[in-house]
Amino acid sequence: MIIRKGIETDLPRVLELVKELAEFERAPNDVINTLEKMRKEFSHTFHFIVAEENGFIHGMALYYYAYSTWKGKYIYLDDLIVTELSRGRGIGKMLTDELLKLAQEEGIAHLRWHVLDWNTPAIEFYKRLPVTFDPDWITVKLNLEL
């Protein structure tokens, strides 16, 4: 298994993984992103790392940089996805370790992400990391019609 930075030619597989995650999260119709849009926004808006074996991408971690007035620059992990058939092989841990290594190399001391309250496997996975689950904050969304 090779963990590496994602490149533009990986984007079709990344979008497949995103759609697989949306199915798992019971929201398949919520994915409105397109390959064209991802290609346009890649590298200046978001980044990703992939877990690849024999030319097949088994998983990815898609992230972007954000800024907190309290913490400074941080990494927001938007999606950590391992395809269903490849789960249980430590791929999620490899991707997470690579993201933590990247943060340390860049002097970033804060990472943030969300997990659905019913996603027990993900919650149990995250509990093995030195994380804090924050019960005080509520996620707020506003979707605009474009």
C-alpha atoms as a PDB file:
ATOM      1  CA  MET A   1       0.000   0.000   0.000  1.00  0.00           C
ATOM      2  CA  ILE A   2       1.364   3.388  -1.011  1.00  0.00           C
ATOM      3  CA  ILE A   3       0.148   6.562   0.679  1.00  0.00           C
ATOM      4  CA  ARG A   4       0.779   9.568  -1.552  1.00  0.00           C
ATOM      5  CA  LYS A   5      -0.463  13.040  -2.374  1.00  0.00           C
ATOM      6  CA  GLY A   6      -3.357  13.041  -4.766  1.00  0.00           C
ATOM      7  CA  ILE A   7      -2.986  14.286  -8.324  1.00  0.00           C
ATOM      8  CA  GLU A   8      -5.517  15.528 -10.850  1.00  0.00           C
ATOM      9  CA  THR A   9      -5.759  12.186 -12.655  1.00  0.00           C
ATOM     10  CA  ASP A  10      -6.987  10.646  -9.369  1.00  0.00           C
ATOM     11  CA  LEU A  11     -10.078  12.858  -9.308  1.00  0.00           C
ATOM     12  CA  PRO A  12     -12.460  10.459 -11.122  1.00  0.00           C
ATOM     13  CA  ARG A  13     -11.759   7.826  -8.448  1.00  0.00           C
ATOM     14  CA  VAL A  14     -12.043  10.446  -5.688  1.00  0.00           C
ATOM     15  CA  LEU A  15     -15.517  11.389  -6.924  1.00  0.00           C
ATOM     16  CA  GLU A  16     -16.467   7.686  -6.973  1.00  0.00           C
ATOM     17  CA  LEU A  17     -15.373   7.404  -3.345  1.00  0.00           C
ATOM     18  CA  VAL A  18     -17.340  10.531  -2.426  1.00  0.00           C
ATOM     19  CA  LYS A  19     -20.458   9.025  -3.994  1.00  0.00           C
ATOM     20  CA  GLU A  20     -19.844   5.745  -2.148  1.00  0.00           C
ATOM     21  CA  LEU A  21     -19.617   7.688   1.111  1.00  0.00           C
ATOM     22  CA  ALA A  22     -22.839   9.548   0.304  1.00  0.00           C
ATOM     23  CA  GLU A  23     -24.595   6.204  -0.180  1.00  0.00           C
ATOM     24  CA  PHE A  24     -23.244   5.005   3.182  1.00  0.00           C
ATOM     25  CA  GLU A  25     -24.348   8.245   4.850  1.00  0.00           C
ATOM     26  CA  ARG A  26     -27.861   7.808   3.406  1.00  0.00           C
ATOM     27  CA  ALA A  27     -27.597  10.956   1.293  1.00  0.00           C
ATOM     28  CA  PRO A  28     -26.808   9.850  -2.281  1.00  0.00           C
ATOM     29  CA  ASN A  29     -28.720  12.751  -3.849  1.00  0.00           C
ATOM     30  CA  ASP A  30     -26.801  15.359  -1.861  1.00  0.00           C
ATOM     31  CA  VAL A  31     -23.653  15.035  -4.004  1.00  0.00           C
ATOM     32  CA  ILE A  32     -23.929  17.836  -6.546  1.00  0.00           C
ATOM     33  CA  ASN A  33     -20.215  18.175  -7.176  1.00  0.00           C
ATOM     34  CA  THR A  34     -18.900  17.247 -10.617  1.00  0.00           C
ATOM     35  CA  LEU A  35     -15.609  16.058 -11.975  1.00  0.00           C
ATOM     36  CA  GLU A  36     -15.310  19.264 -13.986  1.00  0.00           C
ATOM     37  CA  LYS A  37     -15.780  21.383 -10.871  1.00  0.00           C
ATOM     38  CA  MET A  38     -13.320  19.280  -8.871  1.00  0.00           C
ATOM     39  CA  ARG A  39     -10.695  19.668 -11.598  1.00  0.00           C
ATOM     40  CA  LYS A  40     -11.222  23.436 -11.590  1.00  0.00           C
ATOM     41  CA  GLU A  41     -10.947  23.730  -7.793  1.00  0.00           C
ATOM     42  CA  PHE A  42      -8.237  21.133  -7.115  1.00  0.00           C
ATOM     43  CA  SER A  43      -4.972  22.268  -5.527  1.00  0.00           C
ATOM     44  CA  HIS A  44      -5.990  25.851  -4.746  1.00  0.00           C
ATOM     45  CA  THR A  45      -9.192  24.962  -2.861  1.00  0.00           C
ATOM     46  CA  PHE A  46      -8.659  21.407  -1.650  1.00  0.00           C
ATOM     47  CA  HIS A  47      -6.010  18.683  -1.461  1.00  0.00           C
ATOM     48  CA  PHE A  48      -6.098  14.967  -0.846  1.00  0.00           C
ATOM     49  CA  ILE A  49      -3.941  11.970  -0.148  1.00  0.00           C
ATOM     50  CA  VAL A  50      -4.676   8.487  -1.405  1.00  0.00           C
ATOM     51  CA  ALA A  51      -4.015   4.909  -0.414  1.00  0.00           C
ATOM     52  CA  GLU A  52      -3.064   3.065  -3.579  1.00  0.00           C
ATOM     53  CA  GLU A  53      -2.176  -0.555  -4.210  1.00  0.00           C
ATOM     54  CA  ASN A  54      -1.415  -1.987  -7.652  1.00  0.00           C
ATOM     55  CA  GLY A  55      -2.829   1.107  -9.344  1.00  0.00           C
ATOM     56  CA  PHE A  56      -6.138   0.968  -7.430  1.00  0.00           C
ATOM     57  CA  ILE A  57      -7.112   3.697  -4.964  1.00  0.00           C
ATOM     58  CA  HIS A  58      -8.626   2.046  -1.884  1.00  0.00           C
ATOM     59  CA  GLY A  59      -9.188   5.228   0.089  1.00  0.00           C
ATOM     60  CA  MET A  60      -8.489   8.904   0.439  1.00  0.00           C
ATOM     61  CA  ALA A  61      -8.423  11.803   2.845  1.00  0.00           C
ATOM     62  CA  LEU A  62      -9.643  15.069   1.343  1.00  0.00           C
ATOM     63  CA  TYR A  63      -8.746  18.223   3.255  1.00  0.00           C
ATOM     64  CA  TYR A  64      -8.346  21.953   2.980  1.00  0.00           C
ATOM     65  CA  TYR A  65      -6.698  24.701   4.952  1.00  0.00           C
ATOM     66  CA  ALA A  66      -8.787  26.999   7.108  1.00  0.00           C
ATOM     67  CA  TYR A  67      -8.107  29.673   9.666  1.00  0.00           C
ATOM     68  CA  SER A  68      -9.192  29.967  13.281  1.00  0.00           C
ATOM     69  CA  THR A  69      -8.838  33.224  15.164  1.00  0.00           C
ATOM     70  CA  TRP A  70      -8.027  31.117  18.225  1.00  0.00           C
ATOM     71  CA  LYS A  71      -5.733  28.491  16.660  1.00  0.00           C
ATOM     72  CA  GLY A  72      -4.366  30.038  13.476  1.00  0.00           C
ATOM     73  CA  LYS A  73      -4.077  27.992  10.297  1.00  0.00           C
ATOM     74  CA  TYR A  74      -5.551  24.518  10.598  1.00  0.00           C
ATOM     75  CA  ILE A  75      -6.479  21.535   8.467  1.00  0.00           C
ATOM     76  CA  TYR A  76     -10.122  20.648   7.980  1.00  0.00           C
ATOM     77  CA  LEU A  77     -10.550  16.991   7.049  1.00  0.00           C
ATOM     78  CA  ASP A  78     -13.648  16.972   4.879  1.00  0.00           C
ATOM     79  CA  ASP A  79     -13.714  13.258   4.072  1.00  0.00           C
ATOM     80  CA  LEU A  80     -11.802  10.188   5.151  1.00  0.00           C
ATOM     81  CA  ILE A  81     -13.028   7.350   2.964  1.00  0.00           C
ATOM     82  CA  VAL A  82     -11.929   3.745   2.593  1.00  0.00           C
ATOM     83  CA  THR A  83     -13.910   1.733   0.076  1.00  0.00           C
ATOM     84  CA  GLU A  84     -16.107  -0.849   1.782  1.00  0.00           C
ATOM     85  CA  LEU A  85     -14.256  -3.883   0.411  1.00  0.00           C
ATOM     86  CA  SER A  86     -10.932  -2.564   1.738  1.00  0.00           C
ATOM     87  CA  ARG A  87     -11.955  -1.705   5.291  1.00  0.00           C
ATOM     88  CA  GLY A  88     -10.258  -3.444   8.195  1.00  0.00           C
ATOM     89  CA  ARG A  89      -6.807  -3.346   6.593  1.00  0.00           C
ATOM     90  CA  GLY A  90      -5.483  -0.300   8.454  1.00  0.00           C
ATOM     91  CA  ILE A  91      -5.882   2.033   5.475  1.00  0.00           C
ATOM     92  CA  GLY A  92      -7.767   4.667   7.455  1.00  0.00           C
ATOM     93  CA  LYS A  93      -4.967   4.703  10.023  1.00  0.00           C
ATOM     94  CA  MET A  94      -2.339   5.045   7.283  1.00  0.00           C
ATOM     95  CA  LEU A  95      -4.185   7.991   5.739  1.00  0.00           C
ATOM     96  CA  THR A  96      -4.686   9.633   9.123  1.00  0.00           C
ATOM     97  CA  ASP A  97      -1.028   9.160  10.053  1.00  0.00           C
ATOM     98  CA  GLU A  98       0.029  10.760   6.770  1.00  0.00           C
ATOM     99  CA  LEU A  99      -2.266  13.719   7.376  1.00  0.00           C
ATOM    100  CA  LEU A 100      -0.864  14.162  10.896  1.00  0.00           C
ATOM    101  CA  LYS A 101       2.666  13.989   9.497  1.00  0.00           C
ATOM    102  CA  LEU A 102       1.787  16.637   6.916  1.00  0.00           C
ATOM    103  CA  ALA A 103       0.362  18.890   9.634  1.00  0.00           C
ATOM    104  CA  GLN A 104       3.504  18.532  11.747  1.00  0.00           C
ATOM    105  CA  GLU A 105       5.765  19.270   8.770  1.00  0.00           C
ATOM    106  CA  GLU A 106       3.767  22.436   8.075  1.00  0.00           C
ATOM    107  CA  GLY A 107       3.692  23.554  11.713  1.00  0.00           C
ATOM    108  CA  ILE A 108      -0.070  23.082  11.981  1.00  0.00           C
ATOM    109  CA  ALA A 109      -1.215  22.102  15.465  1.00  0.00           C
ATOM    110  CA  HIS A 110      -4.971  21.825  14.903  1.00  0.00           C
ATOM    111  CA  LEU A 111      -7.091  19.499  12.789  1.00  0.00           C
ATOM    112  CA  ARG A 112     -10.857  19.470  12.713  1.00  0.00           C
ATOM    113  CA  TRP A 113     -13.596  17.331  11.171  1.00  0.00           C
ATOM    114  CA  HIS A 114     -17.148  16.102  11.696  1.00  0.00           C
ATOM    115  CA  VAL A 115     -18.554  12.613  12.118  1.00  0.00           C
ATOM    116  CA  LEU A 116     -22.199  11.583  12.039  1.00  0.00           C
ATOM    117  CA  ASP A 117     -23.439  10.641  15.498  1.00  0.00           C
ATOM    118  CA  TRP A 118     -24.698   7.251  14.232  1.00  0.00           C
ATOM    119  CA  ASN A 119     -21.453   6.300  12.454  1.00  0.00           C
ATOM    120  CA  THR A 120     -20.214   4.028  15.226  1.00  0.00           C
ATOM    121  CA  PRO A 121     -17.323   2.451  13.255  1.00  0.00           C
ATOM    122  CA  ALA A 122     -15.875   5.888  12.474  1.00  0.00           C
ATOM    123  CA  ILE A 123     -16.379   7.106  16.043  1.00  0.00           C
ATOM    124  CA  GLU A 124     -14.631   4.029  17.415  1.00  0.00           C
ATOM    125  CA  PHE A 125     -11.788   4.565  14.933  1.00  0.00           C
ATOM    126  CA  TYR A 126     -11.401   8.206  16.004  1.00  0.00           C
ATOM    127  CA  LYS A 127     -11.422   7.240  19.680  1.00  0.00           C
ATOM    128  CA  ARG A 128      -8.083   5.514  19.082  1.00  0.00           C
ATOM    129  CA  LEU A 129      -6.590   8.911  18.211  1.00  0.00           C
ATOM    130  CA  PRO A 130      -5.820  11.680  20.694  1.00  0.00           C
ATOM    131  CA  VAL A 131      -9.037  13.519  19.780  1.00  0.00           C
ATOM    132  CA  THR A 132     -11.686  15.449  21.633  1.00  0.00           C
ATOM    133  CA  PHE A 133     -15.351  15.010  20.788  1.00  0.00           C
ATOM    134  CA  ASP A 134     -16.933  18.412  21.255  1.00  0.00           C
ATOM    135  CA  PRO A 135     -20.536  18.245  22.514  1.00  0.00           C
ATOM    136  CA  ASP A 136     -20.844  22.029  22.836  1.00  0.00           C
ATOM    137  CA  TRP A 137     -20.903  23.022  19.176  1.00  0.00           C
ATOM    138  CA  ILE A 138     -23.719  22.628  16.682  1.00  0.00           C
ATOM    139  CA  THR A 139     -22.987  22.348  12.974  1.00  0.00           C
ATOM    140  CA  VAL A 140     -24.773  25.110  11.075  1.00  0.00           C
ATOM    141  CA  LYS A 141     -25.279  24.977   7.301  1.00  0.00           C
ATOM    142  CA  LEU A 142     -26.658  27.410   4.787  1.00  0.00           C
ATOM    143  CA  ASN A 143     -27.118  26.245   1.215  1.00  0.00           C
ATOM    144  CA  LEU A 144     -27.515  28.852  -1.502  1.00  0.00           C
ATOM    145  CA  GLU A 145     -29.227  28.339  -4.811  1.00  0.00           C
ATOM    146  CA  LEU A 146     -26.754  29.047  -7.601  1.00  0.00           C
END
